[in-house]
Amino acid sequence: MSPSDATAVELTAAAADLVRRLHAVHGPLMFHQSGGCCDGSAPMCYQAGEFRTGGSDVLLASLDVDGVAEAVPFWMSRSQYEVWAHTRLIVDVVEGRGSGFSLEAPEGVRFLIRSRLVGP
């Protein structure tokens, strides 16, 4: 799988709903997934451009969410992408606060990655 493959990242209905709510408050959004927190299972959601990406990051997807005018980019650190390259990432929401600066923290929920292996 390469970062340009469709459906490398998808949102559950609960995650899409939370993205809509966060977008209504904060405007355009972005996700970044790094290997430094929670075994890499907690993507961080920021206002678009609030997290600087660079050569050590890979743009996996631009997520289209009904009710959100612009696509939501989903970035991953290149080192983590090398480990997860054959995985479809499913962004979900669970109760409980995560740590970090992700926009959903005050909502009492956190984004969480679930995954499914895809072909070689």
Protein backbone atom coordinates (compact mmCIF):
# COMPACT_ATOMS: atom_id res chain seq x y z
CA MET A 1 0.00 0.00 0.00
CA SER A 2 1.29 3.48 -0.72
CA PRO A 3 0.11 6.73 0.87
CA SER A 4 -1.80 7.54 -2.32
CA ASP A 5 -3.96 4.42 -2.10
CA ALA A 6 -7.64 5.14 -1.51
CA THR A 7 -9.15 4.06 1.81
CA ALA A 8 -5.82 3.99 3.65
CA VAL A 9 -7.73 5.82 6.39
CA GLU A 10 -11.43 5.85 7.17
CA LEU A 11 -13.64 7.31 9.87
CA THR A 12 -16.32 5.50 11.82
CA ALA A 13 -19.70 7.24 12.03
CA ALA A 14 -18.87 8.35 15.59
CA ALA A 15 -15.53 9.80 14.49
CA ALA A 16 -17.14 11.64 11.56
CA ASP A 17 -19.73 13.11 13.93
CA LEU A 18 -17.00 14.31 16.28
CA VAL A 19 -15.07 15.82 13.37
CA ARG A 20 -18.22 17.76 12.37
CA ARG A 21 -18.65 19.05 15.94
CA LEU A 22 -14.99 20.05 16.24
CA HIS A 23 -15.06 21.69 12.82
CA ALA A 24 -18.08 23.79 13.84
CA VAL A 25 -16.09 25.17 16.79
CA HIS A 26 -12.52 25.29 15.45
CA GLY A 27 -12.80 25.51 11.66
CA PRO A 28 -10.61 23.45 9.28
CA LEU A 29 -8.93 20.44 10.92
CA MET A 30 -6.06 18.02 10.42
CA PHE A 31 -4.91 14.75 12.01
CA HIS A 32 -1.39 13.67 12.82
CA GLN A 33 -0.47 10.16 13.92
CA SER A 34 2.94 9.69 15.51
CA GLY A 35 4.55 6.75 17.22
CA GLY A 36 5.36 8.70 20.36
CA CYS A 37 2.09 8.34 22.25
CA CYS A 38 -0.11 5.45 23.31
CA ASP A 39 1.78 2.92 21.18
CA GLY A 40 0.80 5.02 18.19
CA SER A 41 -2.91 4.34 18.64
CA ALA A 42 -4.07 7.89 19.35
CA PRO A 43 -4.17 10.28 16.40
CA MET A 44 -4.09 13.93 17.37
CA CYS A 45 -6.62 16.34 15.88
CA TYR A 46 -5.53 19.94 15.42
CA GLN A 47 -6.74 23.06 13.70
CA ALA A 48 -5.42 22.89 10.14
CA GLY A 49 -1.84 24.13 10.06
CA GLU A 50 -1.43 24.14 13.85
CA PHE A 51 0.87 21.10 13.69
CA ARG A 52 3.83 21.54 11.38
CA THR A 53 4.48 18.64 9.04
CA GLY A 54 7.64 18.11 7.04
CA GLY A 55 9.85 15.58 5.33
CA SER A 56 9.51 13.14 8.24
CA ASP A 57 5.73 12.93 7.69
CA VAL A 58 3.53 11.18 5.10
CA LEU A 59 0.13 12.43 3.96
CA LEU A 60 -1.97 9.24 4.04
CA ALA A 61 -5.36 10.63 3.15
CA SER A 62 -7.53 13.68 2.67
CA LEU A 63 -10.74 12.66 4.39
CA ASP A 64 -14.07 13.84 2.99
CA VAL A 65 -16.57 14.23 5.83
CA ASP A 66 -20.23 15.02 5.10
CA GLY A 67 -21.03 18.45 6.49
CA VAL A 68 -17.40 19.63 6.45
CA ALA A 69 -16.54 21.93 3.55
CA GLU A 70 -12.90 20.99 3.16
CA ALA A 71 -11.10 17.67 3.28
CA VAL A 72 -9.36 16.78 6.54
CA PRO A 73 -5.73 15.75 5.93
CA PHE A 74 -4.43 12.73 7.84
CA TRP A 75 -0.66 12.71 8.34
CA MET A 76 1.56 10.04 9.87
CA SER A 77 5.21 10.11 10.87
CA ARG A 78 7.27 8.38 8.19
CA SER A 79 8.86 5.99 10.72
CA GLN A 80 5.46 4.82 11.90
CA TYR A 81 4.17 4.55 8.33
CA GLU A 82 6.98 2.10 7.56
CA VAL A 83 5.57 -0.19 10.27
CA TRP A 84 1.87 0.33 9.39
CA ALA A 85 2.18 0.43 5.58
CA HIS A 86 0.01 -2.69 5.06
CA THR A 87 -2.71 -1.55 7.42
CA ARG A 88 -6.00 0.22 6.87
CA LEU A 89 -6.46 2.74 9.66
CA ILE A 90 -9.94 3.19 11.07
CA VAL A 91 -10.35 6.31 13.19
CA ASP A 92 -12.86 5.71 15.98
CA VAL A 93 -13.90 7.48 19.18
CA VAL A 94 -13.86 6.07 22.71
CA GLU A 95 -14.88 7.57 26.03
CA GLY A 96 -12.20 8.95 28.29
CA ARG A 97 -9.71 11.73 27.96
CA GLY A 98 -6.47 11.13 26.17
CA SER A 99 -3.34 13.08 26.81
CA GLY A 100 -1.84 15.70 24.59
CA PHE A 101 -3.19 18.67 22.73
CA SER A 102 -5.84 17.00 20.59
CA LEU A 103 -8.95 19.16 20.15
CA GLU A 104 -11.39 16.50 21.40
CA ALA A 105 -9.84 16.30 24.90
CA PRO A 106 -12.38 18.68 26.53
CA GLU A 107 -15.24 16.58 25.10
CA GLY A 108 -14.46 13.64 27.42
CA VAL A 109 -13.65 11.37 24.48
CA ARG A 110 -10.60 10.61 22.39
CA PHE A 111 -9.84 9.47 18.90
CA LEU A 112 -8.40 5.96 18.65
CA ILE A 113 -6.98 3.97 15.75
CA ARG A 114 -8.33 0.55 14.99
CA SER A 115 -6.62 -1.27 12.18
CA ARG A 116 -7.09 -4.02 9.64
CA LEU A 117 -4.38 -5.67 7.56
CA VAL A 118 -4.64 -5.27 3.81
CA GLY A 119 -2.89 -7.22 1.06
CA PRO A 120 0.87 -7.13 0.49
